[in-house]
Amino acid sequence: MELLIGETYQLPIVAGKTTKFYLDVSKLPSVPSYAVFQVHSQWYNIKVSFDDDGNCLSTTGPGRYTVGTNIGIVSLSADHDPFSWCLTTVTQDSIIFKVLLIALVYQTTGG
């Protein structure tokens, strides 16, 4: 699913599934220095990881993911083009729950 900068999304998430999200930086006026992908769920832990292999299969290396209910992950533009992340539910319960997503980009300036 493509994300737009600064837009918030409420999405239903199915337990046991992985969903890929990406941010196409070619649509921006300049390449950002880094991006932050935030996910908020109320009761269920979720895992956010970098999409290292292009299809969310290799997401468990050290420093490559975080787990929780209100979490974020930072991507440097040199490492990820386009920025892409994987969202996986941690619970194995047969439920559908909603999460709030937002992607923000930042440009560093010389100073």
N, C-alpha and C. Protein backbone atom coordinates (compact mmCIF):
# COMPACT_ATOMS: atom_id res chain seq x y z
N MET A 1 0.84 -1.17 0.00
CA MET A 1 0.00 0.00 0.00
C MET A 1 0.89 1.23 0.00
N GLU A 2 0.62 2.17 -0.88
CA GLU A 2 1.40 3.40 -0.91
C GLU A 2 0.87 4.38 0.12
N LEU A 3 1.79 4.99 0.87
CA LEU A 3 1.43 5.99 1.86
C LEU A 3 1.74 7.38 1.31
N LEU A 4 0.97 8.36 1.71
CA LEU A 4 1.22 9.75 1.38
C LEU A 4 1.82 10.44 2.60
N ILE A 5 2.69 11.38 2.38
CA ILE A 5 3.37 12.08 3.47
C ILE A 5 2.37 12.75 4.39
N GLY A 6 2.51 12.49 5.70
CA GLY A 6 1.72 13.17 6.70
C GLY A 6 0.26 12.76 6.80
N GLU A 7 -0.20 11.88 5.93
CA GLU A 7 -1.58 11.39 6.01
C GLU A 7 -1.66 10.30 7.07
N THR A 8 -2.77 10.26 7.79
CA THR A 8 -2.98 9.17 8.74
C THR A 8 -3.97 8.19 8.14
N TYR A 9 -3.78 6.93 8.46
CA TYR A 9 -4.61 5.86 7.92
C TYR A 9 -5.09 4.99 9.06
N GLN A 10 -6.37 4.65 9.07
CA GLN A 10 -6.91 3.65 9.99
C GLN A 10 -7.22 2.44 9.13
N LEU A 11 -6.51 1.35 9.39
CA LEU A 11 -6.66 0.17 8.55
C LEU A 11 -7.01 -1.05 9.38
N PRO A 12 -7.87 -1.90 8.86
CA PRO A 12 -8.09 -3.19 9.53
C PRO A 12 -6.90 -4.11 9.25
N ILE A 13 -6.41 -4.76 10.27
CA ILE A 13 -5.28 -5.67 10.17
C ILE A 13 -5.74 -7.06 10.58
N VAL A 14 -5.43 -8.06 9.77
CA VAL A 14 -5.81 -9.44 10.05
C VAL A 14 -4.64 -10.13 10.75
N ALA A 15 -4.92 -10.80 11.85
CA ALA A 15 -3.88 -11.50 12.61
C ALA A 15 -3.19 -12.53 11.73
N GLY A 16 -1.86 -12.61 11.88
CA GLY A 16 -1.09 -13.61 11.16
C GLY A 16 -0.68 -13.20 9.75
N LYS A 17 -1.05 -12.00 9.30
CA LYS A 17 -0.69 -11.56 7.96
C LYS A 17 0.36 -10.46 8.03
N THR A 18 1.14 -10.37 6.96
CA THR A 18 2.12 -9.30 6.82
C THR A 18 1.68 -8.39 5.69
N THR A 19 1.76 -7.09 5.91
CA THR A 19 1.38 -6.11 4.90
C THR A 19 2.56 -5.20 4.63
N LYS A 20 2.81 -4.91 3.35
CA LYS A 20 3.90 -4.03 2.96
C LYS A 20 3.36 -2.63 2.71
N PHE A 21 4.09 -1.63 3.22
CA PHE A 21 3.76 -0.23 3.01
C PHE A 21 4.97 0.45 2.42
N TYR A 22 4.75 1.38 1.51
CA TYR A 22 5.88 2.09 0.94
C TYR A 22 5.56 3.56 0.71
N LEU A 23 6.62 4.33 0.60
CA LEU A 23 6.53 5.75 0.39
C LEU A 23 7.39 6.06 -0.82
N ASP A 24 6.80 6.52 -1.90
CA ASP A 24 7.52 6.79 -3.14
C ASP A 24 8.11 8.19 -3.08
N VAL A 25 9.42 8.29 -2.86
CA VAL A 25 10.05 9.60 -2.71
C VAL A 25 10.23 10.31 -4.04
N SER A 26 10.01 9.63 -5.16
CA SER A 26 10.13 10.30 -6.46
C SER A 26 9.04 11.36 -6.64
N LYS A 27 8.00 11.30 -5.85
CA LYS A 27 6.92 12.28 -5.93
C LYS A 27 7.19 13.53 -5.09
N LEU A 28 8.31 13.54 -4.38
CA LEU A 28 8.66 14.68 -3.54
C LEU A 28 9.57 15.65 -4.28
N PRO A 29 9.57 16.94 -3.92
CA PRO A 29 10.43 17.90 -4.61
C PRO A 29 11.92 17.66 -4.39
N SER A 30 12.29 17.09 -3.26
CA SER A 30 13.69 16.74 -3.00
C SER A 30 13.73 15.44 -2.21
N VAL A 31 14.84 14.74 -2.32
CA VAL A 31 14.98 13.45 -1.63
C VAL A 31 15.16 13.72 -0.14
N PRO A 32 14.32 13.12 0.70
CA PRO A 32 14.46 13.35 2.14
C PRO A 32 15.68 12.66 2.71
N SER A 33 16.16 13.16 3.84
CA SER A 33 17.30 12.56 4.52
C SER A 33 16.89 11.29 5.27
N TYR A 34 15.70 11.32 5.84
CA TYR A 34 15.19 10.13 6.52
C TYR A 34 13.68 10.19 6.63
N ALA A 35 13.10 9.05 6.93
CA ALA A 35 11.65 8.95 7.09
C ALA A 35 11.34 8.19 8.37
N VAL A 36 10.22 8.55 8.97
CA VAL A 36 9.75 7.86 10.18
C VAL A 36 8.40 7.24 9.85
N PHE A 37 8.26 5.97 10.13
CA PHE A 37 7.01 5.25 9.93
C PHE A 37 6.49 4.89 11.32
N GLN A 38 5.31 5.40 11.68
CA GLN A 38 4.73 5.15 13.01
C GLN A 38 3.48 4.31 12.88
N VAL A 39 3.31 3.41 13.85
CA VAL A 39 2.13 2.54 13.90
C VAL A 39 1.60 2.55 15.33
N HIS A 40 0.30 2.72 15.45
CA HIS A 40 -0.33 2.74 16.77
C HIS A 40 -1.50 1.77 16.77
N SER A 41 -1.45 0.81 17.68
CA SER A 41 -2.59 -0.09 17.90
C SER A 41 -2.95 0.00 19.36
N GLN A 42 -4.17 -0.29 19.68
CA GLN A 42 -4.59 -0.06 21.06
C GLN A 42 -4.25 -1.22 22.00
N TRP A 43 -4.53 -2.45 21.58
CA TRP A 43 -4.36 -3.57 22.51
C TRP A 43 -3.40 -4.66 22.04
N TYR A 44 -3.12 -4.73 20.77
CA TYR A 44 -2.36 -5.87 20.25
C TYR A 44 -0.99 -5.43 19.75
N ASN A 45 0.03 -6.22 20.11
CA ASN A 45 1.37 -5.94 19.63
C ASN A 45 1.47 -6.19 18.14
N ILE A 46 2.26 -5.35 17.49
CA ILE A 46 2.53 -5.50 16.08
C ILE A 46 4.03 -5.35 15.87
N LYS A 47 4.51 -5.88 14.78
CA LYS A 47 5.93 -5.78 14.44
C LYS A 47 6.07 -4.93 13.19
N VAL A 48 6.94 -3.93 13.24
CA VAL A 48 7.28 -3.13 12.08
C VAL A 48 8.74 -3.42 11.76
N SER A 49 9.01 -3.68 10.49
CA SER A 49 10.37 -4.02 10.09
C SER A 49 10.69 -3.38 8.75
N PHE A 50 11.99 -3.32 8.46
CA PHE A 50 12.42 -2.87 7.14
C PHE A 50 12.13 -3.97 6.13
N ASP A 51 11.84 -3.58 4.92
CA ASP A 51 11.60 -4.53 3.84
C ASP A 51 12.92 -4.76 3.11
N ASP A 52 13.79 -5.58 3.69
CA ASP A 52 15.14 -5.76 3.15
C ASP A 52 15.19 -6.53 1.84
N ASP A 53 14.25 -7.42 1.62
CA ASP A 53 14.33 -8.27 0.43
C ASP A 53 13.29 -7.94 -0.63
N GLY A 54 12.47 -6.93 -0.39
CA GLY A 54 11.48 -6.53 -1.38
C GLY A 54 10.14 -7.23 -1.27
N ASN A 55 10.04 -8.25 -0.44
CA ASN A 55 8.74 -8.92 -0.28
C ASN A 55 8.47 -9.34 1.16
N CYS A 56 9.06 -8.65 2.11
CA CYS A 56 8.78 -8.83 3.54
C CYS A 56 9.10 -10.23 4.07
N LEU A 57 10.06 -10.91 3.49
CA LEU A 57 10.40 -12.24 3.99
C LEU A 57 11.61 -12.22 4.92
N SER A 58 12.48 -11.25 4.79
CA SER A 58 13.68 -11.18 5.60
C SER A 58 13.58 -9.97 6.53
N THR A 59 12.91 -10.15 7.67
CA THR A 59 12.62 -8.99 8.53
C THR A 59 12.99 -9.22 9.99
N THR A 60 13.91 -10.13 10.28
CA THR A 60 14.15 -10.48 11.67
C THR A 60 15.57 -10.22 12.16
N GLY A 61 16.42 -9.59 11.36
CA GLY A 61 17.80 -9.35 11.77
C GLY A 61 17.88 -8.33 12.90
N PRO A 62 19.03 -8.29 13.58
CA PRO A 62 19.22 -7.33 14.67
C PRO A 62 19.06 -5.90 14.18
N GLY A 63 18.27 -5.10 14.90
CA GLY A 63 18.06 -3.71 14.54
C GLY A 63 17.21 -3.50 13.30
N ARG A 64 16.56 -4.55 12.81
CA ARG A 64 15.77 -4.45 11.59
C ARG A 64 14.28 -4.37 11.86
N TYR A 65 13.86 -4.48 13.13
CA TYR A 65 12.44 -4.44 13.45
C TYR A 65 12.22 -3.96 14.88
N THR A 66 10.96 -3.62 15.19
CA THR A 66 10.56 -3.28 16.55
C THR A 66 9.15 -3.83 16.77
N VAL A 67 8.82 -4.13 18.02
CA VAL A 67 7.53 -4.72 18.36
C VAL A 67 6.90 -3.90 19.48
N GLY A 68 5.59 -3.68 19.40
CA GLY A 68 4.88 -2.98 20.46
C GLY A 68 3.51 -2.51 19.99
N THR A 69 2.89 -1.62 20.78
CA THR A 69 1.58 -1.10 20.41
C THR A 69 1.65 0.32 19.88
N ASN A 70 2.65 1.07 20.25
CA ASN A 70 2.86 2.44 19.77
C ASN A 70 4.34 2.56 19.41
N ILE A 71 4.65 2.27 18.16
CA ILE A 71 6.05 2.12 17.77
C ILE A 71 6.35 2.92 16.50
N GLY A 72 7.63 3.10 16.25
CA GLY A 72 8.08 3.76 15.04
C GLY A 72 9.43 3.22 14.63
N ILE A 73 9.77 3.42 13.37
CA ILE A 73 11.04 2.96 12.85
C ILE A 73 11.55 4.04 11.90
N VAL A 74 12.85 4.30 11.94
CA VAL A 74 13.46 5.35 11.13
C VAL A 74 14.23 4.72 9.99
N SER A 75 14.05 5.26 8.79
CA SER A 75 14.77 4.81 7.60
C SER A 75 15.60 5.95 7.05
N LEU A 76 16.86 5.69 6.77
CA LEU A 76 17.72 6.67 6.12
C LEU A 76 17.56 6.54 4.63
N SER A 77 17.56 7.66 3.92
CA SER A 77 17.31 7.60 2.48
C SER A 77 18.39 6.84 1.74
N ALA A 78 19.62 6.85 2.25
CA ALA A 78 20.70 6.13 1.58
C ALA A 78 20.49 4.61 1.64
N ASP A 79 19.73 4.15 2.64
CA ASP A 79 19.52 2.72 2.82
C ASP A 79 18.26 2.21 2.14
N HIS A 80 17.29 3.05 1.90
CA HIS A 80 15.99 2.59 1.42
C HIS A 80 15.44 3.53 0.34
N ASP A 81 15.31 3.02 -0.88
CA ASP A 81 14.73 3.81 -1.96
C ASP A 81 13.92 2.87 -2.83
N PRO A 82 12.61 2.89 -2.82
CA PRO A 82 11.81 3.77 -1.99
C PRO A 82 11.79 3.30 -0.54
N PHE A 83 11.35 4.16 0.34
CA PHE A 83 11.17 3.75 1.73
C PHE A 83 10.07 2.69 1.75
N SER A 84 10.33 1.58 2.40
CA SER A 84 9.28 0.56 2.52
C SER A 84 9.43 -0.17 3.84
N TRP A 85 8.29 -0.56 4.39
CA TRP A 85 8.25 -1.22 5.69
C TRP A 85 7.25 -2.36 5.64
N CYS A 86 7.41 -3.30 6.56
CA CYS A 86 6.50 -4.44 6.68
C CYS A 86 5.82 -4.36 8.04
N LEU A 87 4.54 -4.63 8.05
CA LEU A 87 3.75 -4.63 9.28
C LEU A 87 3.20 -6.03 9.48
N THR A 88 3.53 -6.64 10.60
CA THR A 88 3.10 -8.01 10.90
C THR A 88 2.45 -8.05 12.27
N THR A 89 1.33 -8.74 12.38
CA THR A 89 0.71 -8.90 13.69
C THR A 89 1.48 -9.94 14.49
N VAL A 90 1.53 -9.74 15.78
CA VAL A 90 2.24 -10.67 16.66
C VAL A 90 1.27 -11.69 17.25
N THR A 91 0.03 -11.28 17.46
CA THR A 91 -0.96 -12.20 18.03
C THR A 91 -1.37 -13.25 17.00
N GLN A 92 -1.68 -14.43 17.46
CA GLN A 92 -2.16 -15.48 16.57
C GLN A 92 -3.67 -15.66 16.69
N ASP A 93 -4.31 -14.81 17.49
CA ASP A 93 -5.77 -14.86 17.62
C ASP A 93 -6.42 -14.57 16.28
N SER A 94 -7.55 -15.16 16.03
CA SER A 94 -8.29 -14.91 14.79
C SER A 94 -9.15 -13.67 14.95
N ILE A 95 -8.50 -12.53 14.82
CA ILE A 95 -9.19 -11.26 15.01
C ILE A 95 -8.81 -10.31 13.89
N ILE A 96 -9.61 -9.29 13.74
CA ILE A 96 -9.27 -8.17 12.87
C ILE A 96 -9.29 -6.94 13.76
N PHE A 97 -8.22 -6.19 13.76
CA PHE A 97 -8.18 -4.98 14.57
C PHE A 97 -7.63 -3.84 13.73
N LYS A 98 -7.80 -2.63 14.21
CA LYS A 98 -7.38 -1.45 13.46
C LYS A 98 -6.08 -0.89 14.01
N VAL A 99 -5.28 -0.36 13.10
CA VAL A 99 -4.07 0.36 13.49
C VAL A 99 -4.11 1.73 12.83
N LEU A 100 -3.40 2.66 13.43
CA LEU A 100 -3.24 4.00 12.87
C LEU A 100 -1.81 4.09 12.34
N LEU A 101 -1.65 4.48 11.07
CA LEU A 101 -0.34 4.57 10.43
C LEU A 101 -0.07 6.00 10.01
N ILE A 102 1.20 6.39 10.04
CA ILE A 102 1.61 7.68 9.48
C ILE A 102 3.08 7.57 9.07
N ALA A 103 3.41 8.19 7.94
CA ALA A 103 4.79 8.27 7.47
C ALA A 103 5.15 9.75 7.35
N LEU A 104 6.29 10.11 7.92
CA LEU A 104 6.77 11.49 7.89
C LEU A 104 8.19 11.49 7.33
N VAL A 105 8.52 12.49 6.54
CA VAL A 105 9.88 12.60 6.01
C VAL A 105 10.52 13.89 6.51
N TYR A 106 11.85 13.86 6.60
CA TYR A 106 12.60 15.00 7.10
C TYR A 106 13.81 15.23 6.20
N GLN A 107 14.16 16.48 6.03
CA GLN A 107 15.33 16.87 5.24
C GLN A 107 16.29 17.58 6.19
N THR A 108 17.51 17.09 6.29
CA THR A 108 18.49 17.78 7.12
C THR A 108 19.10 18.91 6.30
N THR A 109 19.50 19.95 6.97
CA THR A 109 20.11 21.08 6.30
C THR A 109 21.47 21.33 6.91
N GLY A 110 22.35 21.85 6.13
CA GLY A 110 23.68 22.19 6.64
C GLY A 110 23.59 23.35 7.61
N GLY A 111 24.45 23.38 8.60
CA GLY A 111 24.29 24.44 9.55
C GLY A 111 25.49 24.92 10.17
